[in-house]
Amino acid sequence: MEPVKGPDANRPSISFDPDLASLEPAPRAPDVSLKTNERFATSERQQEKHYDTISAEYEAHYSDDSSREYRWRFIYEPMFSQIQLSGMNVLDAMCGSGQTTEFLLERGASVTGIDISKEVIDAFHSRWPEAQAIRRSLLDSDLPDSSFDCVTVVGGLHHIHPYVSEALVEIHRLLKPGGLFCFMEPHSGSFPDVIRKFWYKHDRFFSDNEAAIDLSSLEREFASRFSSRMVRYQGNLAFLLVLNSLIFRIPVNLKPYYSSPLMRVEGVVNKLQGKRMSCFVVGQWRKIADC
């Protein structure tokens, strides 16, 4: 079997807004531990230490061509569907080394990445010098009110329990009136989450405060601040064995040989499965203008 081609094989080269490209790269932010709100300090330090420890392994498994193709097809395209990103000012929150930023830049957005981990924000700064890089917590970003057209979080909210609601309050503050919050997260209320709860407790790649988000509860809590534009439940075989090869200890060099057929299966099964059998949810919320 031939290895699957990477997502860039048939994709036009990235072109950037010349005004954006001419900006000087943002300097690295000072040590976030000096600026973290004490209320969130224990949770934040736990996550910072955790991701600084696993960052090399994480990068190898989530930035290979097969994982990038998965994210493009099954996360980014549905998550940003019907959104004209060109010219938007976007915050890639909990950005890691910038996998989502690559998609945003390709579509002409101006991007700021924020993350608490020194290892990953340094990688972000090196990979995407045309973007702004900030080492700081989303829970206490210190960024100006109403400064972004869109805030995106891909798999970040479930890492900050019990402060998911506080993160959404901060995202609401940062968005302009009518701005969009686009997200992808593992969700509660599914069969995969039953297994995930057990796995989280026994695998070194997860920290103690990780838990799937309760989307229904959050929708009720923030009904006066956000309106839901789209929710889509997805994720099955390819999500587990292609995107999450790290968790299943699958060698990266094997992924090209099985990824293509599993992604074809995923595309079919996604049309049939609902919330109970899906691994994650993608959504778009709009900030209610008069809030």
C-alpha atoms as a PDB file:
ATOM      1  CA  MET A   1       0.000   0.000   0.000  1.00  0.00           C
ATOM      2  CA  GLU A   2       1.347   3.422  -0.894  1.00  0.00           C
ATOM      3  CA  PRO A   3       1.679   6.021   1.871  1.00  0.00           C
ATOM      4  CA  VAL A   4      -1.048   8.657   1.891  1.00  0.00           C
ATOM      5  CA  LYS A   5       0.038  12.036   0.575  1.00  0.00           C
ATOM      6  CA  GLY A   6       0.141  14.908   3.033  1.00  0.00           C
ATOM      7  CA  PRO A   7      -2.548  17.601   3.041  1.00  0.00           C
ATOM      8  CA  ASP A   8      -0.271  20.012   1.203  1.00  0.00           C
ATOM      9  CA  ALA A   9       0.155  17.777  -1.845  1.00  0.00           C
ATOM     10  CA  ASN A  10      -2.677  19.372  -3.823  1.00  0.00           C
ATOM     11  CA  ARG A  11      -2.937  22.645  -1.947  1.00  0.00           C
ATOM     12  CA  PRO A  12      -1.850  25.999  -3.309  1.00  0.00           C
ATOM     13  CA  SER A  13       1.079  27.659  -1.603  1.00  0.00           C
ATOM     14  CA  ILE A  14       0.363  29.985   1.281  1.00  0.00           C
ATOM     15  CA  SER A  15       0.212  33.664   0.441  1.00  0.00           C
ATOM     16  CA  PHE A  16       0.126  36.353   3.102  1.00  0.00           C
ATOM     17  CA  ASP A  17      -1.166  39.878   3.258  1.00  0.00           C
ATOM     18  CA  PRO A  18       1.937  42.021   2.542  1.00  0.00           C
ATOM     19  CA  ASP A  19       0.995  44.482   5.274  1.00  0.00           C
ATOM     20  CA  LEU A  20       0.776  41.625   7.768  1.00  0.00           C
ATOM     21  CA  ALA A  21       3.988  40.020   6.551  1.00  0.00           C
ATOM     22  CA  SER A  22       5.887  43.262   7.054  1.00  0.00           C
ATOM     23  CA  LEU A  23       5.166  43.374  10.764  1.00  0.00           C
ATOM     24  CA  GLU A  24       8.051  42.711  13.095  1.00  0.00           C
ATOM     25  CA  PRO A  25       7.686  39.364  14.918  1.00  0.00           C
ATOM     26  CA  ALA A  26       6.317  39.813  18.408  1.00  0.00           C
ATOM     27  CA  PRO A  27       8.883  39.377  21.172  1.00  0.00           C
ATOM     28  CA  ARG A  28       8.446  36.391  23.417  1.00  0.00           C
ATOM     29  CA  ALA A  29       6.322  37.207  26.420  1.00  0.00           C
ATOM     30  CA  PRO A  30       7.919  37.243  29.873  1.00  0.00           C
ATOM     31  CA  ASP A  31       7.529  34.251  32.146  1.00  0.00           C
ATOM     32  CA  VAL A  32       3.798  33.603  32.509  1.00  0.00           C
ATOM     33  CA  SER A  33       4.281  32.205  36.002  1.00  0.00           C
ATOM     34  CA  LEU A  34       4.936  35.766  37.154  1.00  0.00           C
ATOM     35  CA  LYS A  35       1.579  36.944  35.804  1.00  0.00           C
ATOM     36  CA  THR A  36      -0.830  34.090  36.406  1.00  0.00           C
ATOM     37  CA  ASN A  37      -3.874  34.966  38.497  1.00  0.00           C
ATOM     38  CA  GLU A  38      -3.420  33.212  41.834  1.00  0.00           C
ATOM     39  CA  ARG A  39      -6.934  31.805  41.607  1.00  0.00           C
ATOM     40  CA  PHE A  40      -5.862  29.696  38.629  1.00  0.00           C
ATOM     41  CA  ALA A  41      -2.224  29.153  39.618  1.00  0.00           C
ATOM     42  CA  THR A  42      -2.320  25.472  40.626  1.00  0.00           C
ATOM     43  CA  SER A  43      -4.237  24.373  37.541  1.00  0.00           C
ATOM     44  CA  GLU A  44      -2.095  26.522  35.260  1.00  0.00           C
ATOM     45  CA  ARG A  45       1.226  25.290  36.618  1.00  0.00           C
ATOM     46  CA  GLN A  46       0.008  21.716  36.345  1.00  0.00           C
ATOM     47  CA  GLN A  47      -0.803  22.154  32.672  1.00  0.00           C
ATOM     48  CA  GLU A  48       2.378  24.089  31.950  1.00  0.00           C
ATOM     49  CA  LYS A  49       4.564  21.386  33.485  1.00  0.00           C
ATOM     50  CA  HIS A  50       2.592  18.626  31.773  1.00  0.00           C
ATOM     51  CA  TYR A  51       2.936  20.044  28.257  1.00  0.00           C
ATOM     52  CA  ASP A  52       6.537  21.101  28.648  1.00  0.00           C
ATOM     53  CA  THR A  53       7.218  17.435  29.518  1.00  0.00           C
ATOM     54  CA  ILE A  54       5.404  15.817  26.567  1.00  0.00           C
ATOM     55  CA  SER A  55       5.809  18.546  23.932  1.00  0.00           C
ATOM     56  CA  ALA A  56       8.350  16.687  21.762  1.00  0.00           C
ATOM     57  CA  GLU A  57       6.264  13.509  21.565  1.00  0.00           C
ATOM     58  CA  TYR A  58       3.083  15.518  21.077  1.00  0.00           C
ATOM     59  CA  GLU A  59       4.590  17.489  18.207  1.00  0.00           C
ATOM     60  CA  ALA A  60       5.806  14.355  16.423  1.00  0.00           C
ATOM     61  CA  HIS A  61       2.382  12.698  16.500  1.00  0.00           C
ATOM     62  CA  TYR A  62       0.111  15.689  15.886  1.00  0.00           C
ATOM     63  CA  SER A  63       2.115  17.553  13.238  1.00  0.00           C
ATOM     64  CA  ASP A  64       2.804  14.717  10.785  1.00  0.00           C
ATOM     65  CA  ASP A  65       1.128  14.766   7.359  1.00  0.00           C
ATOM     66  CA  SER A  66      -1.588  12.245   8.290  1.00  0.00           C
ATOM     67  CA  SER A  67      -2.682  14.183  11.378  1.00  0.00           C
ATOM     68  CA  ARG A  68      -2.617  17.458   9.446  1.00  0.00           C
ATOM     69  CA  GLU A  69      -4.834  15.986   6.750  1.00  0.00           C
ATOM     70  CA  TYR A  70      -7.255  14.726   9.410  1.00  0.00           C
ATOM     71  CA  ARG A  71      -7.471  18.119  11.076  1.00  0.00           C
ATOM     72  CA  TRP A  72      -8.042  19.873   7.765  1.00  0.00           C
ATOM     73  CA  ARG A  73     -10.894  17.579   6.675  1.00  0.00           C
ATOM     74  CA  PHE A  74     -12.656  16.780   9.915  1.00  0.00           C
ATOM     75  CA  ILE A  75     -11.932  19.705  12.251  1.00  0.00           C
ATOM     76  CA  TYR A  76     -10.988  22.958  10.502  1.00  0.00           C
ATOM     77  CA  GLU A  77     -13.242  22.775   7.442  1.00  0.00           C
ATOM     78  CA  PRO A  78     -16.429  22.105   9.441  1.00  0.00           C
ATOM     79  CA  MET A  79     -15.374  24.368  12.318  1.00  0.00           C
ATOM     80  CA  PHE A  80     -14.802  27.371  10.045  1.00  0.00           C
ATOM     81  CA  SER A  81     -17.512  26.539   7.517  1.00  0.00           C
ATOM     82  CA  GLN A  82     -19.252  29.577   5.998  1.00  0.00           C
ATOM     83  CA  ILE A  83     -16.776  31.967   7.673  1.00  0.00           C
ATOM     84  CA  GLN A  84     -14.740  34.324   5.512  1.00  0.00           C
ATOM     85  CA  LEU A  85     -11.468  34.307   7.450  1.00  0.00           C
ATOM     86  CA  SER A  86      -9.590  36.615   5.103  1.00  0.00           C
ATOM     87  CA  GLY A  87      -8.858  39.897   6.886  1.00  0.00           C
ATOM     88  CA  MET A  88     -10.151  38.660  10.253  1.00  0.00           C
ATOM     89  CA  ASN A  89      -8.217  39.278  13.456  1.00  0.00           C
ATOM     90  CA  VAL A  90      -8.163  35.811  15.066  1.00  0.00           C
ATOM     91  CA  LEU A  91      -6.940  34.623  18.464  1.00  0.00           C
ATOM     92  CA  ASP A  92      -5.647  31.043  18.371  1.00  0.00           C
ATOM     93  CA  ALA A  93      -6.156  30.353  22.077  1.00  0.00           C
ATOM     94  CA  MET A  94      -4.180  27.556  23.718  1.00  0.00           C
ATOM     95  CA  CYS A  95      -2.423  27.470  20.365  1.00  0.00           C
ATOM     96  CA  GLY A  96       0.298  24.897  20.945  1.00  0.00           C
ATOM     97  CA  SER A  97       2.892  25.055  18.183  1.00  0.00           C
ATOM     98  CA  GLY A  98       0.324  26.479  15.794  1.00  0.00           C
ATOM     99  CA  GLN A  99      -1.406  23.697  13.876  1.00  0.00           C
ATOM    100  CA  THR A 100      -4.599  25.755  13.657  1.00  0.00           C
ATOM    101  CA  THR A 101      -2.641  28.914  12.902  1.00  0.00           C
ATOM    102  CA  GLU A 102      -1.361  27.312   9.694  1.00  0.00           C
ATOM    103  CA  PHE A 103      -4.938  26.916   8.455  1.00  0.00           C
ATOM    104  CA  LEU A 104      -5.871  30.455   9.494  1.00  0.00           C
ATOM    105  CA  LEU A 105      -2.855  32.081   7.848  1.00  0.00           C
ATOM    106  CA  GLU A 106      -3.455  30.201   4.636  1.00  0.00           C
ATOM    107  CA  ARG A 107      -6.910  31.724   4.510  1.00  0.00           C
ATOM    108  CA  GLY A 108      -5.636  35.246   5.035  1.00  0.00           C
ATOM    109  CA  ALA A 109      -6.395  35.801   8.719  1.00  0.00           C
ATOM    110  CA  SER A 110      -4.206  37.901  11.022  1.00  0.00           C
ATOM    111  CA  VAL A 111      -3.347  35.577  13.916  1.00  0.00           C
ATOM    112  CA  THR A 112      -2.313  35.949  17.535  1.00  0.00           C
ATOM    113  CA  GLY A 113      -1.350  32.749  19.365  1.00  0.00           C
ATOM    114  CA  ILE A 114      -1.511  32.446  23.137  1.00  0.00           C
ATOM    115  CA  ASP A 115      -0.336  29.484  25.223  1.00  0.00           C
ATOM    116  CA  ILE A 116       0.978  28.924  28.725  1.00  0.00           C
ATOM    117  CA  SER A 117       3.697  26.422  27.802  1.00  0.00           C
ATOM    118  CA  LYS A 118       7.167  27.805  27.145  1.00  0.00           C
ATOM    119  CA  GLU A 119       8.120  24.878  24.915  1.00  0.00           C
ATOM    120  CA  VAL A 120       5.155  25.170  22.584  1.00  0.00           C
ATOM    121  CA  ILE A 121       4.967  28.968  22.404  1.00  0.00           C
ATOM    122  CA  ASP A 122       8.661  29.026  21.457  1.00  0.00           C
ATOM    123  CA  ALA A 123       7.886  26.518  18.699  1.00  0.00           C
ATOM    124  CA  PHE A 124       4.927  28.659  17.610  1.00  0.00           C
ATOM    125  CA  HIS A 125       7.102  31.772  17.447  1.00  0.00           C
ATOM    126  CA  SER A 126       9.692  29.968  15.319  1.00  0.00           C
ATOM    127  CA  ARG A 127       7.211  28.400  12.916  1.00  0.00           C
ATOM    128  CA  TRP A 128       4.953  31.405  12.392  1.00  0.00           C
ATOM    129  CA  PRO A 129       7.005  34.628  12.704  1.00  0.00           C
ATOM    130  CA  GLU A 130       4.262  36.507  10.813  1.00  0.00           C
ATOM    131  CA  ALA A 131       1.875  35.815  13.726  1.00  0.00           C
ATOM    132  CA  GLN A 132       1.928  37.376  17.195  1.00  0.00           C
ATOM    133  CA  ALA A 133       3.081  34.962  19.937  1.00  0.00           C
ATOM    134  CA  ILE A 134       2.127  35.467  23.587  1.00  0.00           C
ATOM    135  CA  ARG A 135       3.121  33.232  26.474  1.00  0.00           C
ATOM    136  CA  ARG A 136       0.270  33.705  28.874  1.00  0.00           C
ATOM    137  CA  SER A 137      -2.871  32.000  30.191  1.00  0.00           C
ATOM    138  CA  LEU A 138      -6.172  32.290  28.372  1.00  0.00           C
ATOM    139  CA  LEU A 139      -7.783  32.559  31.803  1.00  0.00           C
ATOM    140  CA  ASP A 140      -5.900  35.797  32.469  1.00  0.00           C
ATOM    141  CA  SER A 141      -4.842  37.007  29.021  1.00  0.00           C
ATOM    142  CA  ASP A 142      -4.528  40.741  29.783  1.00  0.00           C
ATOM    143  CA  LEU A 143      -5.484  41.435  26.145  1.00  0.00           C
ATOM    144  CA  PRO A 144      -7.788  44.384  25.303  1.00  0.00           C
ATOM    145  CA  ASP A 145     -11.583  44.080  25.358  1.00  0.00           C
ATOM    146  CA  SER A 146     -13.375  43.458  22.054  1.00  0.00           C
ATOM    147  CA  SER A 147     -10.120  42.999  20.134  1.00  0.00           C
ATOM    148  CA  PHE A 148     -10.803  39.904  17.990  1.00  0.00           C
ATOM    149  CA  ASP A 149     -13.234  38.999  15.218  1.00  0.00           C
ATOM    150  CA  CYS A 150     -12.829  35.321  16.050  1.00  0.00           C
ATOM    151  CA  VAL A 151     -11.399  33.231  18.891  1.00  0.00           C
ATOM    152  CA  THR A 152     -10.647  29.581  18.257  1.00  0.00           C
ATOM    153  CA  VAL A 153      -9.820  26.754  20.659  1.00  0.00           C
ATOM    154  CA  VAL A 154      -8.986  23.281  19.380  1.00  0.00           C
ATOM    155  CA  GLY A 155      -8.902  20.697  22.140  1.00  0.00           C
ATOM    156  CA  GLY A 156      -7.930  23.167  24.845  1.00  0.00           C
ATOM    157  CA  LEU A 157     -10.937  23.745  27.075  1.00  0.00           C
ATOM    158  CA  HIS A 158     -10.990  20.198  28.431  1.00  0.00           C
ATOM    159  CA  HIS A 159      -7.486  20.802  29.825  1.00  0.00           C
ATOM    160  CA  ILE A 160      -8.518  23.603  32.197  1.00  0.00           C
ATOM    161  CA  HIS A 161     -11.155  22.095  34.448  1.00  0.00           C
ATOM    162  CA  PRO A 162     -12.618  23.351  36.710  1.00  0.00           C
ATOM    163  CA  TYR A 163     -12.261  26.737  34.950  1.00  0.00           C
ATOM    164  CA  VAL A 164     -13.994  26.148  31.612  1.00  0.00           C
ATOM    165  CA  SER A 165     -16.681  28.726  32.376  1.00  0.00           C
ATOM    166  CA  GLU A 166     -14.060  31.290  33.351  1.00  0.00           C
ATOM    167  CA  ALA A 167     -12.307  30.695  30.026  1.00  0.00           C
ATOM    168  CA  LEU A 168     -15.554  31.304  28.138  1.00  0.00           C
ATOM    169  CA  VAL A 169     -16.125  34.539  30.057  1.00  0.00           C
ATOM    170  CA  GLU A 170     -12.655  35.678  28.959  1.00  0.00           C
ATOM    171  CA  ILE A 171     -13.315  34.650  25.348  1.00  0.00           C
ATOM    172  CA  HIS A 172     -16.558  36.634  25.419  1.00  0.00           C
ATOM    173  CA  ARG A 173     -14.661  39.676  26.711  1.00  0.00           C
ATOM    174  CA  LEU A 174     -12.039  39.427  23.973  1.00  0.00           C
ATOM    175  CA  LEU A 175     -14.524  39.099  21.104  1.00  0.00           C
ATOM    176  CA  LYS A 176     -15.935  42.083  19.262  1.00  0.00           C
ATOM    177  CA  PRO A 177     -19.748  42.343  19.263  1.00  0.00           C
ATOM    178  CA  GLY A 178     -20.969  39.722  16.820  1.00  0.00           C
ATOM    179  CA  GLY A 179     -17.582  37.981  16.893  1.00  0.00           C
ATOM    180  CA  LEU A 180     -17.280  34.207  16.549  1.00  0.00           C
ATOM    181  CA  PHE A 181     -16.021  31.557  18.936  1.00  0.00           C
ATOM    182  CA  CYS A 182     -15.040  28.404  17.003  1.00  0.00           C
ATOM    183  CA  PHE A 183     -14.115  25.279  18.942  1.00  0.00           C
ATOM    184  CA  MET A 184     -13.434  21.563  18.873  1.00  0.00           C
ATOM    185  CA  GLU A 185     -13.529  19.548  22.103  1.00  0.00           C
ATOM    186  CA  PRO A 186     -14.177  16.039  23.441  1.00  0.00           C
ATOM    187  CA  HIS A 187     -17.667  16.105  24.931  1.00  0.00           C
ATOM    188  CA  SER A 188     -19.452  14.363  27.760  1.00  0.00           C
ATOM    189  CA  GLY A 189     -22.577  12.250  27.354  1.00  0.00           C
ATOM    190  CA  SER A 190     -21.086   9.767  24.889  1.00  0.00           C
ATOM    191  CA  PHE A 191     -19.899   6.173  24.955  1.00  0.00           C
ATOM    192  CA  PRO A 192     -16.329   7.219  24.030  1.00  0.00           C
ATOM    193  CA  ASP A 193     -16.331   9.516  27.061  1.00  0.00           C
ATOM    194  CA  VAL A 194     -17.011   6.581  29.390  1.00  0.00           C
ATOM    195  CA  ILE A 195     -13.804   4.968  28.147  1.00  0.00           C
ATOM    196  CA  ARG A 196     -11.986   8.306  28.150  1.00  0.00           C
ATOM    197  CA  LYS A 197     -12.721   8.895  31.854  1.00  0.00           C
ATOM    198  CA  PHE A 198     -10.974   5.634  32.726  1.00  0.00           C
ATOM    199  CA  TRP A 199      -8.085   6.285  30.336  1.00  0.00           C
ATOM    200  CA  TYR A 200      -7.449   9.792  31.665  1.00  0.00           C
ATOM    201  CA  LYS A 201      -6.722   8.339  35.090  1.00  0.00           C
ATOM    202  CA  HIS A 202      -4.146   5.800  33.937  1.00  0.00           C
ATOM    203  CA  ASP A 203      -2.166   7.382  31.098  1.00  0.00           C
ATOM    204  CA  ARG A 204       0.826   9.692  31.587  1.00  0.00           C
ATOM    205  CA  PHE A 205      -0.157  11.711  28.517  1.00  0.00           C
ATOM    206  CA  PHE A 206      -3.116  13.152  30.436  1.00  0.00           C
ATOM    207  CA  SER A 207      -3.057  15.415  33.474  1.00  0.00           C
ATOM    208  CA  ASP A 208      -5.318  15.090  36.485  1.00  0.00           C
ATOM    209  CA  ASN A 209      -7.595  18.019  35.658  1.00  0.00           C
ATOM    210  CA  GLU A 210      -8.590  16.927  32.137  1.00  0.00           C
ATOM    211  CA  ALA A 211     -12.250  16.120  31.455  1.00  0.00           C
ATOM    212  CA  ALA A 212     -14.601  16.300  28.483  1.00  0.00           C
ATOM    213  CA  ILE A 213     -16.748  19.426  28.312  1.00  0.00           C
ATOM    214  CA  ASP A 214     -20.479  19.369  29.025  1.00  0.00           C
ATOM    215  CA  LEU A 215     -21.619  21.339  25.988  1.00  0.00           C
ATOM    216  CA  SER A 216     -25.332  21.293  26.838  1.00  0.00           C
ATOM    217  CA  SER A 217     -24.657  22.782  30.265  1.00  0.00           C
ATOM    218  CA  LEU A 218     -22.360  25.449  28.812  1.00  0.00           C
ATOM    219  CA  GLU A 219     -24.952  26.394  26.179  1.00  0.00           C
ATOM    220  CA  ARG A 220     -27.497  26.980  28.935  1.00  0.00           C
ATOM    221  CA  GLU A 221     -25.029  28.898  31.102  1.00  0.00           C
ATOM    222  CA  PHE A 222     -24.000  31.245  28.285  1.00  0.00           C
ATOM    223  CA  ALA A 223     -27.331  31.560  26.470  1.00  0.00           C
ATOM    224  CA  SER A 224     -27.482  35.293  27.231  1.00  0.00           C
ATOM    225  CA  ARG A 225     -23.955  35.931  25.896  1.00  0.00           C
ATOM    226  CA  PHE A 226     -23.619  33.639  22.877  1.00  0.00           C
ATOM    227  CA  SER A 227     -25.931  32.275  20.217  1.00  0.00           C
ATOM    228  CA  SER A 228     -25.062  28.879  18.746  1.00  0.00           C
ATOM    229  CA  ARG A 229     -24.608  28.956  14.958  1.00  0.00           C
ATOM    230  CA  MET A 230     -23.502  25.350  14.425  1.00  0.00           C
ATOM    231  CA  VAL A 231     -22.826  22.179  16.390  1.00  0.00           C
ATOM    232  CA  ARG A 232     -21.588  18.990  14.776  1.00  0.00           C
ATOM    233  CA  TYR A 233     -20.718  15.706  16.515  1.00  0.00           C
ATOM    234  CA  GLN A 234     -17.920  13.733  14.856  1.00  0.00           C
ATOM    235  CA  GLY A 235     -14.964  11.421  15.369  1.00  0.00           C
ATOM    236  CA  ASN A 236     -14.519   7.673  15.179  1.00  0.00           C
ATOM    237  CA  LEU A 237     -11.788   5.332  13.903  1.00  0.00           C
ATOM    238  CA  ALA A 238      -9.512   7.866  12.225  1.00  0.00           C
ATOM    239  CA  PHE A 239      -9.820  10.275  15.137  1.00  0.00           C
ATOM    240  CA  LEU A 240      -8.583   7.552  17.456  1.00  0.00           C
ATOM    241  CA  LEU A 241      -5.880   5.870  15.357  1.00  0.00           C
ATOM    242  CA  VAL A 242      -4.717   8.678  13.057  1.00  0.00           C
ATOM    243  CA  LEU A 243      -5.027  11.912  15.018  1.00  0.00           C
ATOM    244  CA  ASN A 244      -4.441  10.278  18.409  1.00  0.00           C
ATOM    245  CA  SER A 245      -1.679   7.849  17.460  1.00  0.00           C
ATOM    246  CA  LEU A 246       0.328   9.111  20.437  1.00  0.00           C
ATOM    247  CA  ILE A 247      -2.267   7.837  22.907  1.00  0.00           C
ATOM    248  CA  PHE A 248      -2.344   4.397  21.260  1.00  0.00           C
ATOM    249  CA  ARG A 249       1.478   4.294  20.992  1.00  0.00           C
ATOM    250  CA  ILE A 250       1.378   3.773  17.231  1.00  0.00           C
ATOM    251  CA  PRO A 251       4.711   4.610  15.561  1.00  0.00           C
ATOM    252  CA  VAL A 252       4.415   7.727  13.415  1.00  0.00           C
ATOM    253  CA  ASN A 253       6.099   6.045  10.443  1.00  0.00           C
ATOM    254  CA  LEU A 254       3.239   3.517  10.211  1.00  0.00           C
ATOM    255  CA  LYS A 255       0.461   6.093   9.954  1.00  0.00           C
ATOM    256  CA  PRO A 256       0.779   6.852   6.220  1.00  0.00           C
ATOM    257  CA  TYR A 257      -0.027   3.218   5.400  1.00  0.00           C
ATOM    258  CA  TYR A 258      -3.425   3.068   7.097  1.00  0.00           C
ATOM    259  CA  SER A 259      -4.587   6.680   7.399  1.00  0.00           C
ATOM    260  CA  SER A 260      -6.256   7.053   3.999  1.00  0.00           C
ATOM    261  CA  PRO A 261      -8.694   4.103   4.314  1.00  0.00           C
ATOM    262  CA  LEU A 262      -9.545   5.016   7.917  1.00  0.00           C
ATOM    263  CA  MET A 263     -10.345   8.590   6.915  1.00  0.00           C
ATOM    264  CA  ARG A 264     -12.628   7.314   4.162  1.00  0.00           C
ATOM    265  CA  VAL A 265     -14.461   5.218   6.754  1.00  0.00           C
ATOM    266  CA  GLU A 266     -14.622   8.184   9.115  1.00  0.00           C
ATOM    267  CA  GLY A 267     -16.251  10.351   6.445  1.00  0.00           C
ATOM    268  CA  VAL A 268     -19.030   7.798   5.994  1.00  0.00           C
ATOM    269  CA  VAL A 269     -19.576   7.039   9.686  1.00  0.00           C
ATOM    270  CA  ASN A 270     -19.665  10.733  10.602  1.00  0.00           C
ATOM    271  CA  LYS A 271     -22.857  11.070   8.568  1.00  0.00           C
ATOM    272  CA  LEU A 272     -24.528   8.322  10.582  1.00  0.00           C
ATOM    273  CA  GLN A 273     -23.356   8.784  14.152  1.00  0.00           C
ATOM    274  CA  GLY A 274     -24.832  11.191  16.673  1.00  0.00           C
ATOM    275  CA  LYS A 275     -23.761  12.592  20.006  1.00  0.00           C
ATOM    276  CA  ARG A 276     -23.819   9.251  21.842  1.00  0.00           C
ATOM    277  CA  MET A 277     -21.216   7.573  19.639  1.00  0.00           C
ATOM    278  CA  SER A 278     -19.024  10.518  18.608  1.00  0.00           C
ATOM    279  CA  CYS A 279     -15.618  11.373  20.060  1.00  0.00           C
ATOM    280  CA  PHE A 280     -15.724  15.168  19.750  1.00  0.00           C
ATOM    281  CA  VAL A 281     -17.859  18.165  18.898  1.00  0.00           C
ATOM    282  CA  VAL A 282     -17.120  21.143  16.657  1.00  0.00           C
ATOM    283  CA  GLY A 283     -19.116  24.321  16.999  1.00  0.00           C
ATOM    284  CA  GLN A 284     -19.508  27.994  16.248  1.00  0.00           C
ATOM    285  CA  TRP A 285     -20.926  30.481  18.750  1.00  0.00           C
ATOM    286  CA  ARG A 286     -21.587  34.123  18.011  1.00  0.00           C
ATOM    287  CA  LYS A 287     -21.206  36.811  20.671  1.00  0.00           C
ATOM    288  CA  ILE A 288     -24.550  38.485  21.163  1.00  0.00           C
ATOM    289  CA  ALA A 289     -23.993  42.078  20.065  1.00  0.00           C
ATOM    290  CA  ASP A 290     -25.611  43.868  22.990  1.00  0.00           C
ATOM    291  CA  CYS A 291     -23.741  41.913  25.689  1.00  0.00           C
END
